[in-house]
Amino acid sequence: MTTKVGPRPDGDWTERLGWAHGLIAPDPVDRAAALAHLADARAEVRAARARYHEAWRRTAGPGHGPRHRDPALAAAQRAYDDAASRCLPEALWNTPVTGGIATWPGLPFALLFLEWEARCPQDWTEHAKAWGTKQKLIRELSAGGHDAAVTAVLVGLVDLVVRRAYRWKDREYVRLARAVDGADLRGRLDRARQSDDPWAQLHARYVLWLLDRPATPNTRHVWHTWLTATDTQAPSSTRPA
């Protein structure tokens, strides 16, 4: 699975975030280099944020907000925006998704961010934890309208998540599974259901059950009712949240 699909990012996105592909590289040396780059980018964001706050403080009069047209404040804002645009997850916050995520130039990096969390959860949690961003991206991707290449990546993401121990906001992936439901996804889920991994077996069975019931909400109550009906004891790490 690769995230280098979908609308081709414009040169600006590529220049700013092309290094991030190393975060999911198979070579640990490449991953380490990408993590070092990310650490530098995060330091730049922190410094730019501090400079912006200082400019805000200096331009604010007693009892009043800052003078928004102040050149120093505007320059500090631009510097922060530039630093944030070169860092994850900040780059995914600063650019609004207009016209739908399927045609958004930032789509390859949204996919990369989710694949990184799925493949390297410890690195993601330590260096760029953003549960709200994860949830928002999954929900936006679940709107559909993707081409075949992006759909294949999304199917792969669902497969990766089903085969691991449950993590916060993974419940959102049921939305995505319903959006990309088809022979490819069901074949992968069936193989996970028949695997030797008890987590994969349980998750795959539940997702397949929900796919056959598109009107059934994916709630904690439904999850526990399903477990009771199937007489299954779920490990604590598989509980939806």
Protein backbone atom coordinates (compact mmCIF):
# COMPACT_ATOMS: atom_id res chain seq x y z
CA MET A 1 0.00 0.00 0.00
CA THR A 2 1.23 3.48 -0.81
CA THR A 3 -0.13 6.94 -0.23
CA LYS A 4 1.39 8.38 -3.41
CA VAL A 5 -1.94 8.37 -5.25
CA GLY A 6 -4.90 10.61 -5.84
CA PRO A 7 -4.81 14.22 -6.99
CA ARG A 8 -1.20 15.12 -7.65
CA PRO A 9 -0.15 17.59 -4.95
CA ASP A 10 0.93 20.93 -6.30
CA GLY A 11 4.60 21.80 -6.16
CA ASP A 12 4.15 23.68 -2.92
CA TRP A 13 2.76 20.64 -1.07
CA THR A 14 5.49 18.42 -2.45
CA GLU A 15 8.24 20.87 -1.55
CA ARG A 16 6.91 21.31 1.96
CA LEU A 17 5.99 17.74 2.90
CA GLY A 18 7.67 15.37 0.47
CA TRP A 19 10.04 14.29 3.25
CA ALA A 20 7.08 12.82 5.18
CA HIS A 21 6.93 9.75 2.95
CA GLY A 22 9.96 8.54 4.90
CA LEU A 23 7.75 8.15 7.97
CA ILE A 24 6.30 4.95 6.50
CA ALA A 25 9.42 3.80 4.64
CA PRO A 26 10.34 0.12 5.08
CA ASP A 27 13.96 1.06 5.83
CA PRO A 28 14.40 2.04 9.52
CA VAL A 29 17.21 4.43 8.54
CA ASP A 30 14.81 6.32 6.27
CA ARG A 31 12.17 6.38 9.00
CA ALA A 32 14.68 7.73 11.51
CA ALA A 33 15.70 10.47 9.10
CA ALA A 34 12.07 11.46 8.56
CA LEU A 35 11.44 11.52 12.31
CA ALA A 36 14.47 13.78 12.76
CA HIS A 37 13.11 16.08 10.06
CA LEU A 38 9.74 16.11 11.80
CA ALA A 39 11.37 16.98 15.14
CA ASP A 40 13.09 19.96 13.49
CA ALA A 41 9.82 21.02 11.88
CA ARG A 42 7.99 20.83 15.19
CA ALA A 43 10.69 22.94 16.84
CA GLU A 44 10.20 25.55 14.11
CA VAL A 45 6.45 25.54 14.72
CA ARG A 46 6.93 26.02 18.47
CA ALA A 47 9.35 28.89 17.92
CA ALA A 48 7.08 30.57 15.36
CA ARG A 49 4.11 30.22 17.68
CA ALA A 50 6.05 31.83 20.52
CA ARG A 51 7.06 34.72 18.27
CA TYR A 52 3.46 35.20 17.20
CA HIS A 53 2.26 35.26 20.80
CA GLU A 54 4.94 37.80 21.65
CA ALA A 55 3.89 39.98 18.70
CA TRP A 56 0.28 39.67 19.83
CA ARG A 57 1.22 40.79 23.33
CA ARG A 58 3.24 43.76 22.11
CA THR A 59 0.58 45.04 19.74
CA ALA A 60 -2.29 44.76 22.22
CA GLY A 61 -3.20 47.89 24.12
CA PRO A 62 -4.41 47.81 27.74
CA GLY A 63 -7.79 46.10 27.83
CA HIS A 64 -7.88 45.68 24.06
CA GLY A 65 -7.01 43.02 21.55
CA PRO A 66 -4.10 43.42 19.14
CA ARG A 67 -4.18 45.73 16.17
CA HIS A 68 -4.71 43.09 13.50
CA ARG A 69 -3.22 45.25 10.74
CA ASP A 70 0.00 45.73 12.64
CA PRO A 71 2.87 44.74 10.28
CA ALA A 72 4.80 42.92 13.00
CA LEU A 73 1.81 40.79 13.93
CA ALA A 74 1.01 40.06 10.30
CA ALA A 75 4.61 39.01 9.65
CA ALA A 76 4.58 36.76 12.71
CA GLN A 77 1.35 35.17 11.52
CA ARG A 78 2.81 34.48 8.07
CA ALA A 79 5.93 32.98 9.63
CA TYR A 80 3.84 30.67 11.80
CA ASP A 81 1.64 29.62 8.86
CA ASP A 82 4.73 28.81 6.81
CA ALA A 83 6.30 26.73 9.60
CA ALA A 84 3.02 24.90 10.22
CA SER A 85 2.63 24.11 6.53
CA ARG A 86 5.90 22.13 6.70
CA CYS A 87 4.93 20.01 9.67
CA LEU A 88 2.49 17.22 10.48
CA PRO A 89 -0.24 17.31 11.58
CA GLU A 90 -0.32 21.12 11.41
CA ALA A 91 -0.20 21.22 7.60
CA LEU A 92 -3.48 19.29 7.55
CA TRP A 93 -5.11 21.91 9.78
CA ASN A 94 -4.13 25.09 8.00
CA THR A 95 -5.49 24.29 4.55
CA PRO A 96 -9.28 23.99 4.34
CA VAL A 97 -10.68 21.04 2.42
CA THR A 98 -12.74 22.79 -0.23
CA GLY A 99 -14.68 21.03 -2.94
CA GLY A 100 -14.39 17.65 -1.18
CA ILE A 101 -11.36 15.73 -0.01
CA ALA A 102 -11.27 13.60 -3.19
CA THR A 103 -9.96 16.59 -5.17
CA TRP A 104 -8.00 18.25 -2.37
CA PRO A 105 -4.28 18.65 -3.19
CA GLY A 106 -3.43 17.62 0.36
CA LEU A 107 -5.13 14.22 -0.01
CA PRO A 108 -1.90 12.18 -0.43
CA PHE A 109 -0.60 13.60 2.85
CA ALA A 110 -3.90 12.96 4.64
CA LEU A 111 -3.62 9.33 3.54
CA LEU A 112 0.01 9.25 4.59
CA PHE A 113 -0.85 10.59 8.05
CA LEU A 114 -3.44 7.85 8.57
CA GLU A 115 -1.17 5.13 7.16
CA TRP A 116 1.60 6.27 9.47
CA GLU A 117 -0.71 5.92 12.48
CA ALA A 118 -1.79 2.46 11.27
CA ARG A 119 1.71 1.14 10.53
CA CYS A 120 3.81 2.90 13.18
CA PRO A 121 1.41 3.70 16.03
CA GLN A 122 4.12 4.25 18.64
CA ASP A 123 6.02 6.75 16.47
CA TRP A 124 2.77 8.52 15.55
CA THR A 125 1.70 8.78 19.18
CA GLU A 126 5.07 10.03 20.35
CA HIS A 127 5.73 12.54 17.58
CA ALA A 128 2.41 13.73 16.12
CA LYS A 129 -0.51 12.49 18.19
CA ALA A 130 -3.72 14.16 16.98
CA TRP A 131 -6.81 12.04 17.61
CA GLY A 132 -9.17 14.77 16.45
CA THR A 133 -7.32 15.07 13.15
CA LYS A 134 -7.45 11.30 12.70
CA GLN A 135 -11.20 11.29 13.27
CA LYS A 136 -11.83 14.26 11.00
CA LEU A 137 -9.80 12.83 8.12
CA ILE A 138 -11.48 9.43 8.31
CA ARG A 139 -14.91 11.05 8.30
CA GLU A 140 -14.05 13.24 5.32
CA LEU A 141 -12.60 10.29 3.42
CA SER A 142 -15.77 8.33 4.13
CA ALA A 143 -17.76 10.72 1.93
CA GLY A 144 -16.67 8.68 -1.09
CA GLY A 145 -16.08 9.86 -4.63
CA HIS A 146 -12.54 8.44 -4.80
CA ASP A 147 -10.84 6.98 -7.83
CA ALA A 148 -9.71 3.35 -7.95
CA ALA A 149 -6.19 4.06 -6.71
CA VAL A 150 -7.33 5.98 -3.64
CA THR A 151 -10.04 3.40 -2.94
CA ALA A 152 -7.36 0.69 -2.93
CA VAL A 153 -5.36 2.67 -0.36
CA LEU A 154 -8.45 3.11 1.82
CA VAL A 155 -9.24 -0.61 1.63
CA GLY A 156 -5.67 -1.29 2.71
CA LEU A 157 -6.04 1.10 5.64
CA VAL A 158 -9.16 -0.70 6.86
CA ASP A 159 -7.32 -4.00 6.56
CA LEU A 160 -4.36 -2.71 8.56
CA VAL A 161 -6.57 -1.36 11.33
CA VAL A 162 -8.71 -4.50 11.56
CA ARG A 163 -5.60 -6.64 12.04
CA ARG A 164 -4.20 -4.71 15.01
CA ALA A 165 -5.23 -4.12 18.60
CA TYR A 166 -7.85 -1.41 18.91
CA ARG A 167 -6.67 2.19 19.17
CA TRP A 168 -8.54 5.36 20.02
CA LYS A 169 -10.93 6.47 17.24
CA ASP A 170 -10.50 3.25 15.26
CA ARG A 171 -14.27 2.90 15.46
CA GLU A 172 -14.43 5.60 12.78
CA TYR A 173 -12.98 3.14 10.27
CA VAL A 174 -16.36 1.41 10.04
CA ARG A 175 -17.57 4.53 8.21
CA LEU A 176 -14.70 4.12 5.80
CA ALA A 177 -15.34 0.39 5.38
CA ARG A 178 -18.92 1.13 4.39
CA ALA A 179 -17.75 3.77 1.91
CA VAL A 180 -15.35 1.38 0.13
CA ASP A 181 -17.35 -1.83 0.58
CA GLY A 182 -16.76 -4.31 -2.20
CA ALA A 183 -15.17 -7.60 -3.16
CA ASP A 184 -11.62 -6.45 -2.36
CA LEU A 185 -12.45 -5.29 1.15
CA ARG A 186 -14.64 -8.28 1.95
CA GLY A 187 -11.97 -10.66 0.72
CA ARG A 188 -9.40 -9.05 3.02
CA LEU A 189 -11.81 -9.08 5.94
CA ASP A 190 -12.59 -12.74 5.34
CA ARG A 191 -8.90 -13.58 5.37
CA ALA A 192 -8.49 -11.64 8.61
CA ARG A 193 -11.48 -13.49 10.06
CA GLN A 194 -9.78 -16.80 9.30
CA SER A 195 -6.34 -15.73 10.52
CA ASP A 196 -4.61 -16.94 13.68
CA ASP A 197 -4.80 -13.51 15.31
CA PRO A 198 -7.73 -13.29 17.77
CA TRP A 199 -7.92 -9.49 17.45
CA ALA A 200 -8.07 -9.69 13.66
CA GLN A 201 -10.69 -12.43 13.84
CA LEU A 202 -12.90 -10.43 16.18
CA HIS A 203 -12.59 -7.10 14.41
CA ALA A 204 -13.14 -8.61 10.95
CA ARG A 205 -16.24 -10.51 12.05
CA TYR A 206 -17.72 -7.36 13.56
CA VAL A 207 -16.99 -5.16 10.53
CA LEU A 208 -18.40 -7.78 8.15
CA TRP A 209 -21.52 -7.98 10.32
CA LEU A 210 -21.94 -4.21 10.14
CA LEU A 211 -21.34 -4.13 6.39
CA ASP A 212 -24.28 -6.50 5.98
CA ARG A 213 -26.38 -4.10 8.09
CA PRO A 214 -25.69 -0.62 6.67
CA ALA A 215 -28.48 0.96 8.73
CA THR A 216 -27.07 -0.30 12.05
CA PRO A 217 -25.12 2.39 13.93
CA ASN A 218 -21.65 1.53 15.16
CA THR A 219 -22.11 2.39 18.82
CA ARG A 220 -20.77 0.91 22.05
CA HIS A 221 -24.21 -0.51 22.75
CA VAL A 222 -24.29 -2.26 19.37
CA TRP A 223 -20.75 -3.55 19.94
CA HIS A 224 -21.58 -5.04 23.35
CA THR A 225 -24.89 -6.45 22.09
CA TRP A 226 -23.05 -8.14 19.24
CA LEU A 227 -20.47 -9.60 21.62
CA THR A 228 -23.22 -10.98 23.83
CA ALA A 229 -25.12 -12.43 20.88
CA THR A 230 -21.99 -14.14 19.56
CA ASP A 231 -20.96 -15.26 23.05
CA THR A 232 -17.55 -13.64 22.57
CA GLN A 233 -15.23 -12.24 25.23
CA ALA A 234 -13.38 -9.21 23.86
CA PRO A 235 -9.87 -8.32 25.03
CA SER A 236 -9.81 -4.90 26.70
CA SER A 237 -7.70 -3.46 23.86
CA THR A 238 -10.49 -4.11 21.34
CA ARG A 239 -13.15 -2.00 23.02
CA PRO A 240 -14.48 0.76 20.74
CA ALA A 241 -14.27 4.35 21.97
